[in-house]
Amino acid sequence: MKGTRPHGSLSGKGDVVHTVTRELLQLRREVARRLELADLAPAGRSGVVRSRSVTWLVDKLDQVLALDGLTMLSSVEDDEDPVELGVVEWALAWESRLRRLVDDEPGHTVARCPGCDQRSCEWRPQAGYYVCSDCGRHVSEVEERTLVTEEAGA
């Protein structure tokens, strides 16, 4: 029919966007239900809907993090075998998956650890930080970039 979109399986990156969007909207609805708020999430998965849902969740972030036992059934790693994740673990897992999708996930860094001055910081997706294997210090991506830049300029 003229003017209709084809249906069927999306491929590659489209499938990932579809899955994260579905889970994001599910999270928004569950948070609204648990906080006893009206869920005004529009139907669909457009950029506007995603943007409004993310903004809504960020506005309520303190309340979201305070909800006991809030979990998500997520297909972040395998559509056939969803796993239950806490909301923080869910966000970190999706961040890591999306970074891998665009080849942007950090790895080893040459930065010296500000805690022990060793070059032993590795990216830990579950932590969302670089973690020094010698002293255990957590280093953010911003701090890591600053350390590398300062040392290169020295």
C-alpha atoms as a PDB file:
ATOM      1  CA  MET A   1       0.000   0.000   0.000  1.00  0.00           C
ATOM      2  CA  LYS A   2       1.387   3.399  -0.939  1.00  0.00           C
ATOM      3  CA  GLY A   3       2.737   5.442   1.963  1.00  0.00           C
ATOM      4  CA  THR A   4       3.176   2.534   4.353  1.00  0.00           C
ATOM      5  CA  ARG A   5       6.459   1.411   5.735  1.00  0.00           C
ATOM      6  CA  PRO A   6       7.685  -2.116   5.081  1.00  0.00           C
ATOM      7  CA  HIS A   7       7.480  -4.417   8.054  1.00  0.00           C
ATOM      8  CA  GLY A   8       9.773  -7.228   9.006  1.00  0.00           C
ATOM      9  CA  SER A   9      13.089  -7.665  10.651  1.00  0.00           C
ATOM     10  CA  LEU A  10      15.409  -4.747  10.947  1.00  0.00           C
ATOM     11  CA  SER A  11      19.053  -5.470  10.469  1.00  0.00           C
ATOM     12  CA  GLY A  12      22.115  -4.913  12.618  1.00  0.00           C
ATOM     13  CA  LYS A  13      22.155  -1.507  14.218  1.00  0.00           C
ATOM     14  CA  GLY A  14      18.434  -0.997  13.602  1.00  0.00           C
ATOM     15  CA  ASP A  15      17.619  -4.072  15.688  1.00  0.00           C
ATOM     16  CA  VAL A  16      19.755  -2.730  18.535  1.00  0.00           C
ATOM     17  CA  VAL A  17      18.047   0.686  18.447  1.00  0.00           C
ATOM     18  CA  HIS A  18      14.645  -1.022  18.363  1.00  0.00           C
ATOM     19  CA  THR A  19      15.535  -3.182  21.381  1.00  0.00           C
ATOM     20  CA  VAL A  20      17.001  -0.392  23.525  1.00  0.00           C
ATOM     21  CA  THR A  21      14.036   1.852  22.672  1.00  0.00           C
ATOM     22  CA  ARG A  22      11.549  -0.854  23.666  1.00  0.00           C
ATOM     23  CA  GLU A  23      13.361  -1.417  26.956  1.00  0.00           C
ATOM     24  CA  LEU A  24      13.675   2.316  27.631  1.00  0.00           C
ATOM     25  CA  LEU A  25       9.926   2.787  27.193  1.00  0.00           C
ATOM     26  CA  GLN A  26       9.257  -0.256  29.397  1.00  0.00           C
ATOM     27  CA  LEU A  27      11.488   1.264  32.085  1.00  0.00           C
ATOM     28  CA  ARG A  28       9.656   4.581  31.826  1.00  0.00           C
ATOM     29  CA  ARG A  29       6.258   2.878  32.190  1.00  0.00           C
ATOM     30  CA  GLU A  30       7.450   0.770  35.146  1.00  0.00           C
ATOM     31  CA  VAL A  31       8.911   3.803  36.923  1.00  0.00           C
ATOM     32  CA  ALA A  32       5.684   5.741  36.368  1.00  0.00           C
ATOM     33  CA  ARG A  33       3.672   2.795  37.728  1.00  0.00           C
ATOM     34  CA  ARG A  34       5.911   2.377  40.793  1.00  0.00           C
ATOM     35  CA  LEU A  35       5.895   6.118  41.536  1.00  0.00           C
ATOM     36  CA  GLU A  36       2.120   6.178  40.952  1.00  0.00           C
ATOM     37  CA  LEU A  37       2.462   8.837  38.262  1.00  0.00           C
ATOM     38  CA  ALA A  38       0.450   9.109  35.093  1.00  0.00           C
ATOM     39  CA  ASP A  39       2.365   7.542  32.229  1.00  0.00           C
ATOM     40  CA  LEU A  40       2.088  10.027  29.418  1.00  0.00           C
ATOM     41  CA  ALA A  41       4.622   8.341  27.166  1.00  0.00           C
ATOM     42  CA  PRO A  42       3.388   8.741  23.603  1.00  0.00           C
ATOM     43  CA  ALA A  43       3.121   5.648  21.475  1.00  0.00           C
ATOM     44  CA  GLY A  44       5.812   4.912  18.934  1.00  0.00           C
ATOM     45  CA  ARG A  45       9.579   4.931  18.931  1.00  0.00           C
ATOM     46  CA  SER A  46      10.421   8.175  17.216  1.00  0.00           C
ATOM     47  CA  GLY A  47      13.357  10.341  18.217  1.00  0.00           C
ATOM     48  CA  VAL A  48      10.930  12.686  19.952  1.00  0.00           C
ATOM     49  CA  VAL A  49       9.453   9.857  22.035  1.00  0.00           C
ATOM     50  CA  ARG A  50      12.924   8.598  22.985  1.00  0.00           C
ATOM     51  CA  SER A  51      14.087  12.090  23.853  1.00  0.00           C
ATOM     52  CA  ARG A  52      11.038  12.809  26.013  1.00  0.00           C
ATOM     53  CA  SER A  53      11.345   9.474  27.781  1.00  0.00           C
ATOM     54  CA  VAL A  54      15.029   9.983  28.549  1.00  0.00           C
ATOM     55  CA  THR A  55      14.347  13.527  29.772  1.00  0.00           C
ATOM     56  CA  TRP A  56      11.486  12.271  31.941  1.00  0.00           C
ATOM     57  CA  LEU A  57      13.692   9.561  33.473  1.00  0.00           C
ATOM     58  CA  VAL A  58      16.574  11.985  34.079  1.00  0.00           C
ATOM     59  CA  ASP A  59      14.185  14.434  35.768  1.00  0.00           C
ATOM     60  CA  LYS A  60      13.122  11.630  38.108  1.00  0.00           C
ATOM     61  CA  LEU A  61      16.564  10.048  38.500  1.00  0.00           C
ATOM     62  CA  ASP A  62      16.743  10.471  42.287  1.00  0.00           C
ATOM     63  CA  GLN A  63      13.370   8.779  42.652  1.00  0.00           C
ATOM     64  CA  VAL A  64      14.278   6.050  40.145  1.00  0.00           C
ATOM     65  CA  LEU A  65      17.480   5.176  42.002  1.00  0.00           C
ATOM     66  CA  ALA A  66      15.605   5.112  45.316  1.00  0.00           C
ATOM     67  CA  LEU A  67      13.100   2.495  44.104  1.00  0.00           C
ATOM     68  CA  ASP A  68      13.793  -0.800  45.856  1.00  0.00           C
ATOM     69  CA  GLY A  69      14.136  -3.816  43.616  1.00  0.00           C
ATOM     70  CA  LEU A  70      13.676  -1.996  40.308  1.00  0.00           C
ATOM     71  CA  THR A  71      14.919  -4.389  37.638  1.00  0.00           C
ATOM     72  CA  MET A  72      14.667  -4.703  33.887  1.00  0.00           C
ATOM     73  CA  LEU A  73      14.310  -7.858  31.845  1.00  0.00           C
ATOM     74  CA  SER A  74      16.858  -6.993  29.176  1.00  0.00           C
ATOM     75  CA  SER A  75      17.984  -8.390  25.852  1.00  0.00           C
ATOM     76  CA  VAL A  76      21.107  -6.240  25.945  1.00  0.00           C
ATOM     77  CA  GLU A  77      23.393  -9.155  25.069  1.00  0.00           C
ATOM     78  CA  ASP A  78      21.092 -11.806  23.620  1.00  0.00           C
ATOM     79  CA  ASP A  79      17.554 -11.404  22.239  1.00  0.00           C
ATOM     80  CA  GLU A  80      16.894 -15.092  22.796  1.00  0.00           C
ATOM     81  CA  ASP A  81      18.019 -15.107  26.430  1.00  0.00           C
ATOM     82  CA  PRO A  82      17.006 -11.914  28.290  1.00  0.00           C
ATOM     83  CA  VAL A  83      18.514 -11.328  31.726  1.00  0.00           C
ATOM     84  CA  GLU A  84      17.210  -9.417  34.712  1.00  0.00           C
ATOM     85  CA  LEU A  85      19.349  -6.398  35.576  1.00  0.00           C
ATOM     86  CA  GLY A  86      19.129  -3.625  38.126  1.00  0.00           C
ATOM     87  CA  VAL A  87      18.519  -0.234  36.560  1.00  0.00           C
ATOM     88  CA  VAL A  88      22.152   0.926  37.000  1.00  0.00           C
ATOM     89  CA  GLU A  89      23.537  -2.338  35.589  1.00  0.00           C
ATOM     90  CA  TRP A  90      21.011  -2.058  32.740  1.00  0.00           C
ATOM     91  CA  ALA A  91      22.179   1.464  31.860  1.00  0.00           C
ATOM     92  CA  LEU A  92      25.859   0.485  31.994  1.00  0.00           C
ATOM     93  CA  ALA A  93      25.271  -2.653  29.918  1.00  0.00           C
ATOM     94  CA  TRP A  94      23.478  -0.656  27.221  1.00  0.00           C
ATOM     95  CA  GLU A  95      26.161   2.026  27.256  1.00  0.00           C
ATOM     96  CA  SER A  96      28.800  -0.639  26.690  1.00  0.00           C
ATOM     97  CA  ARG A  97      26.776  -2.352  23.927  1.00  0.00           C
ATOM     98  CA  LEU A  98      26.147   0.929  22.103  1.00  0.00           C
ATOM     99  CA  ARG A  99      29.809   1.911  22.398  1.00  0.00           C
ATOM    100  CA  ARG A 100      30.866  -1.459  20.951  1.00  0.00           C
ATOM    101  CA  LEU A 101      28.399  -0.945  18.121  1.00  0.00           C
ATOM    102  CA  VAL A 102      30.250   2.184  17.019  1.00  0.00           C
ATOM    103  CA  ASP A 103      33.717   0.965  18.064  1.00  0.00           C
ATOM    104  CA  ASP A 104      33.925   3.532  20.860  1.00  0.00           C
ATOM    105  CA  GLU A 105      34.386   1.389  23.962  1.00  0.00           C
ATOM    106  CA  PRO A 106      37.441   2.350  25.968  1.00  0.00           C
ATOM    107  CA  GLY A 107      40.041  -0.286  26.719  1.00  0.00           C
ATOM    108  CA  HIS A 108      43.515  -0.045  28.155  1.00  0.00           C
ATOM    109  CA  THR A 109      44.888   3.439  28.727  1.00  0.00           C
ATOM    110  CA  VAL A 110      48.460   4.694  28.871  1.00  0.00           C
ATOM    111  CA  ALA A 111      47.504   7.150  31.625  1.00  0.00           C
ATOM    112  CA  ARG A 112      49.299   6.804  34.936  1.00  0.00           C
ATOM    113  CA  CYS A 113      47.010   6.021  37.844  1.00  0.00           C
ATOM    114  CA  PRO A 114      46.720   9.113  40.059  1.00  0.00           C
ATOM    115  CA  GLY A 115      46.695   6.818  43.101  1.00  0.00           C
ATOM    116  CA  CYS A 116      49.844   4.741  42.554  1.00  0.00           C
ATOM    117  CA  ASP A 117      51.465   6.273  39.435  1.00  0.00           C
ATOM    118  CA  GLN A 118      51.414   2.914  37.597  1.00  0.00           C
ATOM    119  CA  ARG A 119      50.131   2.396  34.044  1.00  0.00           C
ATOM    120  CA  SER A 120      47.667  -0.310  34.970  1.00  0.00           C
ATOM    121  CA  CYS A 121      44.199   1.157  34.399  1.00  0.00           C
ATOM    122  CA  GLU A 122      41.757  -0.916  32.361  1.00  0.00           C
ATOM    123  CA  TRP A 123      38.199  -0.047  31.346  1.00  0.00           C
ATOM    124  CA  ARG A 124      35.593  -1.950  33.384  1.00  0.00           C
ATOM    125  CA  PRO A 125      32.165  -1.763  31.721  1.00  0.00           C
ATOM    126  CA  GLN A 126      30.360  -2.881  34.890  1.00  0.00           C
ATOM    127  CA  ALA A 127      31.939  -0.048  36.856  1.00  0.00           C
ATOM    128  CA  GLY A 128      31.719   2.537  34.085  1.00  0.00           C
ATOM    129  CA  TYR A 129      35.260   3.622  34.969  1.00  0.00           C
ATOM    130  CA  TYR A 130      38.869   2.758  34.384  1.00  0.00           C
ATOM    131  CA  VAL A 131      40.038   0.723  37.367  1.00  0.00           C
ATOM    132  CA  CYS A 132      43.668   0.434  38.412  1.00  0.00           C
ATOM    133  CA  SER A 133      44.630  -3.217  38.825  1.00  0.00           C
ATOM    134  CA  ASP A 134      47.385  -2.240  41.291  1.00  0.00           C
ATOM    135  CA  CYS A 135      45.581   0.016  43.763  1.00  0.00           C
ATOM    136  CA  GLY A 136      41.904  -0.299  42.746  1.00  0.00           C
ATOM    137  CA  ARG A 137      41.393   3.410  42.143  1.00  0.00           C
ATOM    138  CA  HIS A 138      38.533   4.369  39.805  1.00  0.00           C
ATOM    139  CA  VAL A 139      39.342   6.899  37.080  1.00  0.00           C
ATOM    140  CA  SER A 140      36.597   8.478  34.958  1.00  0.00           C
ATOM    141  CA  GLU A 141      36.929   8.859  31.188  1.00  0.00           C
ATOM    142  CA  VAL A 142      37.249  12.623  31.578  1.00  0.00           C
ATOM    143  CA  GLU A 143      39.987  12.256  34.196  1.00  0.00           C
ATOM    144  CA  GLU A 144      41.776   9.667  32.026  1.00  0.00           C
ATOM    145  CA  ARG A 145      41.782  12.021  29.010  1.00  0.00           C
ATOM    146  CA  THR A 146      43.092  14.846  31.210  1.00  0.00           C
ATOM    147  CA  LEU A 147      45.888  12.633  32.587  1.00  0.00           C
ATOM    148  CA  VAL A 148      46.971  11.530  29.099  1.00  0.00           C
ATOM    149  CA  THR A 149      46.841  15.074  27.744  1.00  0.00           C
ATOM    150  CA  GLU A 150      48.805  16.509  30.667  1.00  0.00           C
ATOM    151  CA  GLU A 151      51.491  13.842  30.408  1.00  0.00           C
ATOM    152  CA  ALA A 152      51.777  14.273  26.633  1.00  0.00           C
ATOM    153  CA  GLY A 153      52.206  18.029  27.070  1.00  0.00           C
ATOM    154  CA  ALA A 154      54.792  17.686  29.860  1.00  0.00           C
END
